[in-house]
């Protein structure tokens, strides 16, 4: 599978580490309370089909990326630098 890094161009997926859903970027405020933090830390969506995931390009530019990918076909639909994604 190839991933089109916005900084490095098309690269082999083995250069990247998938971390989880892109909802990880929406971190609760420190004072949000135990229920919000429990949900953030432990509950994850595991849907079949299009998803937004947070990936780290450790063997390249060391950027955090939001990869839009179809989990059924593994087709990469788009890649954006995480810092450019609205939270």
N, C-alpha and C. Protein backbone atom coordinates (compact mmCIF):
# COMPACT_ATOMS: atom_id res chain seq x y z
N UNK A 1 0.85 -1.17 0.00
CA UNK A 1 0.00 0.00 0.00
C UNK A 1 0.89 1.24 0.00
N UNK A 2 0.54 2.22 -0.79
CA UNK A 2 1.28 3.48 -0.88
C UNK A 2 0.49 4.58 -0.18
N UNK A 3 1.21 5.45 0.52
CA UNK A 3 0.61 6.58 1.21
C UNK A 3 1.26 7.84 0.67
N UNK A 4 0.46 8.79 0.23
CA UNK A 4 0.98 10.04 -0.35
C UNK A 4 1.22 11.07 0.75
N UNK A 5 2.40 11.03 1.34
CA UNK A 5 2.77 12.00 2.37
C UNK A 5 2.80 13.40 1.74
N UNK A 6 2.15 14.39 2.36
CA UNK A 6 2.15 15.74 1.80
C UNK A 6 3.55 16.35 1.69
N UNK A 7 4.50 15.89 2.49
CA UNK A 7 5.85 16.45 2.47
C UNK A 7 6.85 15.60 1.68
N UNK A 8 6.67 14.28 1.69
CA UNK A 8 7.65 13.37 1.08
C UNK A 8 7.20 12.75 -0.24
N UNK A 9 5.91 12.84 -0.54
CA UNK A 9 5.39 12.18 -1.73
C UNK A 9 4.95 10.76 -1.41
N UNK A 10 4.68 9.99 -2.45
CA UNK A 10 4.18 8.62 -2.28
C UNK A 10 5.26 7.74 -1.65
N UNK A 11 4.89 7.08 -0.56
CA UNK A 11 5.82 6.23 0.19
C UNK A 11 5.15 4.91 0.53
N UNK A 12 5.96 3.90 0.79
CA UNK A 12 5.45 2.60 1.21
C UNK A 12 4.84 2.73 2.60
N UNK A 13 3.73 2.05 2.83
CA UNK A 13 3.04 2.17 4.12
C UNK A 13 3.87 1.69 5.30
N UNK A 14 4.91 0.90 5.05
CA UNK A 14 5.76 0.42 6.15
C UNK A 14 6.57 1.54 6.80
N UNK A 15 6.61 2.72 6.18
CA UNK A 15 7.30 3.87 6.77
C UNK A 15 6.45 4.55 7.84
N UNK A 16 5.18 4.17 7.95
CA UNK A 16 4.22 4.85 8.81
C UNK A 16 3.77 3.95 9.95
N UNK A 17 3.37 4.58 11.05
CA UNK A 17 2.78 3.86 12.17
C UNK A 17 1.37 4.39 12.39
N UNK A 18 0.35 3.56 12.16
CA UNK A 18 -1.01 4.00 12.47
C UNK A 18 -1.22 4.00 13.98
N UNK A 19 -1.81 5.05 14.51
CA UNK A 19 -1.95 5.20 15.95
C UNK A 19 -3.39 5.00 16.42
N UNK A 20 -4.34 5.37 15.59
CA UNK A 20 -5.75 5.25 15.96
C UNK A 20 -6.58 6.23 15.18
N UNK A 21 -7.83 6.35 15.55
CA UNK A 21 -8.74 7.26 14.87
C UNK A 21 -8.32 8.71 15.04
N UNK A 22 -8.65 9.52 14.04
CA UNK A 22 -8.29 10.94 14.07
C UNK A 22 -9.02 11.69 15.17
N UNK A 23 -10.03 11.06 15.78
CA UNK A 23 -10.70 11.71 16.92
C UNK A 23 -9.75 11.92 18.09
N UNK A 24 -8.58 11.28 18.05
CA UNK A 24 -7.56 11.51 19.08
C UNK A 24 -7.10 12.97 19.10
N UNK A 25 -7.28 13.68 17.98
CA UNK A 25 -6.89 15.08 17.93
C UNK A 25 -7.82 15.96 18.75
N UNK A 26 -9.03 15.47 19.05
CA UNK A 26 -10.02 16.23 19.82
C UNK A 26 -9.91 15.89 21.30
N UNK A 27 -8.79 16.23 21.87
CA UNK A 27 -8.50 15.92 23.28
C UNK A 27 -9.38 16.77 24.20
N UNK A 28 -9.96 16.18 25.24
CA UNK A 28 -10.79 16.96 26.17
C UNK A 28 -9.94 17.98 26.95
N UNK A 29 -10.61 19.00 27.41
CA UNK A 29 -9.94 19.99 28.26
C UNK A 29 -9.55 19.31 29.57
N UNK A 30 -8.47 19.76 30.23
CA UNK A 30 -8.04 19.13 31.48
C UNK A 30 -9.15 19.05 32.54
N UNK A 31 -10.03 20.04 32.54
CA UNK A 31 -11.09 20.06 33.55
C UNK A 31 -12.38 19.39 33.07
N UNK A 32 -12.34 18.65 31.98
CA UNK A 32 -13.54 18.05 31.37
C UNK A 32 -14.22 17.01 32.25
N UNK A 33 -13.51 16.42 33.16
CA UNK A 33 -14.12 15.44 34.04
C UNK A 33 -13.75 14.02 33.67
N UNK A 34 -13.96 13.11 34.61
CA UNK A 34 -13.55 11.72 34.45
C UNK A 34 -14.28 11.02 33.31
N UNK A 35 -15.56 11.28 33.12
CA UNK A 35 -16.32 10.60 32.07
C UNK A 35 -15.79 10.96 30.68
N UNK A 36 -15.50 12.23 30.45
CA UNK A 36 -14.97 12.65 29.15
C UNK A 36 -13.59 12.05 28.91
N UNK A 37 -12.75 12.01 29.93
CA UNK A 37 -11.42 11.44 29.78
C UNK A 37 -11.47 9.92 29.61
N UNK A 38 -12.38 9.25 30.30
CA UNK A 38 -12.54 7.81 30.14
C UNK A 38 -12.95 7.49 28.70
N UNK A 39 -13.90 8.26 28.17
CA UNK A 39 -14.34 8.06 26.79
C UNK A 39 -13.19 8.29 25.80
N UNK A 40 -12.44 9.36 26.01
CA UNK A 40 -11.32 9.69 25.12
C UNK A 40 -10.24 8.61 25.14
N UNK A 41 -9.93 8.09 26.31
CA UNK A 41 -8.83 7.13 26.44
C UNK A 41 -9.20 5.70 26.06
N UNK A 42 -10.46 5.31 26.24
CA UNK A 42 -10.78 3.89 26.13
C UNK A 42 -11.76 3.51 25.03
N UNK A 43 -12.56 4.42 24.53
CA UNK A 43 -13.58 4.06 23.55
C UNK A 43 -13.14 4.46 22.14
N UNK A 44 -13.21 3.50 21.23
CA UNK A 44 -12.79 3.74 19.85
C UNK A 44 -13.85 3.22 18.89
N UNK A 45 -14.01 3.92 17.77
CA UNK A 45 -14.90 3.48 16.71
C UNK A 45 -14.11 2.49 15.86
N UNK A 46 -14.74 1.38 15.51
CA UNK A 46 -14.08 0.37 14.68
C UNK A 46 -15.01 0.02 13.52
N UNK A 47 -15.34 1.02 12.72
CA UNK A 47 -16.30 0.85 11.63
C UNK A 47 -15.63 0.28 10.38
N UNK A 48 -16.41 -0.44 9.61
CA UNK A 48 -15.95 -0.96 8.32
C UNK A 48 -16.32 0.06 7.26
N UNK A 49 -15.34 0.52 6.50
CA UNK A 49 -15.59 1.52 5.46
C UNK A 49 -14.69 2.72 5.64
N UNK A 50 -15.08 3.86 5.08
CA UNK A 50 -14.25 5.06 5.16
C UNK A 50 -14.01 5.50 6.60
N UNK A 51 -12.76 5.84 6.90
CA UNK A 51 -12.41 6.29 8.25
C UNK A 51 -11.29 7.32 8.16
N UNK A 52 -11.11 8.07 9.23
CA UNK A 52 -10.01 9.03 9.35
C UNK A 52 -9.12 8.55 10.47
N UNK A 53 -7.84 8.34 10.17
CA UNK A 53 -6.90 7.77 11.14
C UNK A 53 -5.69 8.68 11.32
N UNK A 54 -5.11 8.63 12.49
CA UNK A 54 -3.90 9.38 12.81
C UNK A 54 -2.71 8.46 12.59
N UNK A 55 -1.79 8.87 11.72
CA UNK A 55 -0.60 8.08 11.41
C UNK A 55 0.64 8.94 11.64
N UNK A 56 1.74 8.27 12.02
CA UNK A 56 3.02 8.94 12.24
C UNK A 56 4.01 8.48 11.17
N UNK A 57 4.67 9.41 10.50
CA UNK A 57 5.64 9.08 9.45
C UNK A 57 7.05 9.02 10.05
N UNK A 58 7.28 7.98 10.83
CA UNK A 58 8.53 7.83 11.57
C UNK A 58 9.75 7.56 10.72
N UNK A 59 9.59 6.89 9.58
CA UNK A 59 10.73 6.57 8.72
C UNK A 59 10.87 7.59 7.60
N UNK A 60 10.28 8.76 7.81
CA UNK A 60 10.34 9.82 6.80
C UNK A 60 10.52 11.16 7.47
N UNK A 61 9.54 12.03 7.29
CA UNK A 61 9.64 13.42 7.74
C UNK A 61 9.23 13.62 9.21
N UNK A 62 8.83 12.56 9.90
CA UNK A 62 8.41 12.60 11.30
C UNK A 62 7.17 13.46 11.52
N UNK A 63 6.32 13.52 10.51
CA UNK A 63 5.07 14.29 10.62
C UNK A 63 3.93 13.41 11.09
N UNK A 64 2.96 14.04 11.75
CA UNK A 64 1.70 13.40 12.09
C UNK A 64 0.73 13.69 10.97
N UNK A 65 0.04 12.66 10.50
CA UNK A 65 -0.86 12.78 9.35
C UNK A 65 -2.24 12.25 9.70
N UNK A 66 -3.25 12.83 9.06
CA UNK A 66 -4.59 12.25 9.09
C UNK A 66 -4.78 11.56 7.75
N UNK A 67 -4.90 10.24 7.81
CA UNK A 67 -5.06 9.42 6.61
C UNK A 67 -6.53 9.02 6.51
N UNK A 68 -7.15 9.38 5.40
CA UNK A 68 -8.51 8.94 5.14
C UNK A 68 -8.39 7.66 4.34
N UNK A 69 -8.97 6.57 4.90
CA UNK A 69 -8.76 5.25 4.32
C UNK A 69 -10.04 4.43 4.44
N UNK A 70 -10.27 3.59 3.45
CA UNK A 70 -11.38 2.65 3.51
C UNK A 70 -10.86 1.39 4.19
N UNK A 71 -11.39 1.08 5.37
CA UNK A 71 -10.88 -0.06 6.13
C UNK A 71 -11.27 -1.40 5.51
N UNK A 72 -12.25 -1.41 4.61
CA UNK A 72 -12.64 -2.66 3.94
C UNK A 72 -11.70 -3.00 2.79
N UNK A 73 -11.29 -1.98 2.03
CA UNK A 73 -10.44 -2.23 0.86
C UNK A 73 -8.99 -1.79 1.07
N UNK A 74 -8.71 -1.06 2.12
CA UNK A 74 -7.40 -0.47 2.43
C UNK A 74 -7.01 0.63 1.44
N UNK A 75 -7.94 1.08 0.62
CA UNK A 75 -7.66 2.18 -0.32
C UNK A 75 -7.45 3.47 0.46
N UNK A 76 -6.36 4.18 0.18
CA UNK A 76 -6.09 5.47 0.80
C UNK A 76 -6.83 6.52 -0.02
N UNK A 77 -7.73 7.25 0.65
CA UNK A 77 -8.58 8.23 -0.03
C UNK A 77 -8.01 9.64 0.04
N UNK A 78 -7.14 9.90 0.99
CA UNK A 78 -6.55 11.22 1.14
C UNK A 78 -5.63 11.27 2.35
N UNK A 79 -4.70 12.22 2.31
CA UNK A 79 -3.74 12.40 3.42
C UNK A 79 -3.56 13.89 3.66
N UNK A 80 -3.63 14.30 4.92
CA UNK A 80 -3.47 15.70 5.30
C UNK A 80 -2.55 15.78 6.50
N UNK A 81 -1.73 16.81 6.58
CA UNK A 81 -0.93 17.03 7.78
C UNK A 81 -1.88 17.26 8.96
N UNK A 82 -1.65 16.61 10.07
CA UNK A 82 -2.53 16.71 11.23
C UNK A 82 -2.66 18.16 11.71
N UNK A 83 -1.62 18.93 11.61
CA UNK A 83 -1.67 20.31 12.09
C UNK A 83 -2.60 21.18 11.24
N UNK A 84 -2.96 20.71 10.05
CA UNK A 84 -3.84 21.47 9.16
C UNK A 84 -5.30 21.02 9.25
N UNK A 85 -5.58 20.04 10.11
CA UNK A 85 -6.94 19.51 10.24
C UNK A 85 -7.66 20.24 11.35
N UNK A 86 -8.88 20.69 11.04
CA UNK A 86 -9.70 21.36 12.06
C UNK A 86 -10.10 20.35 13.12
N UNK A 87 -9.98 20.72 14.34
CA UNK A 87 -10.32 19.81 15.44
C UNK A 87 -11.73 19.99 15.78
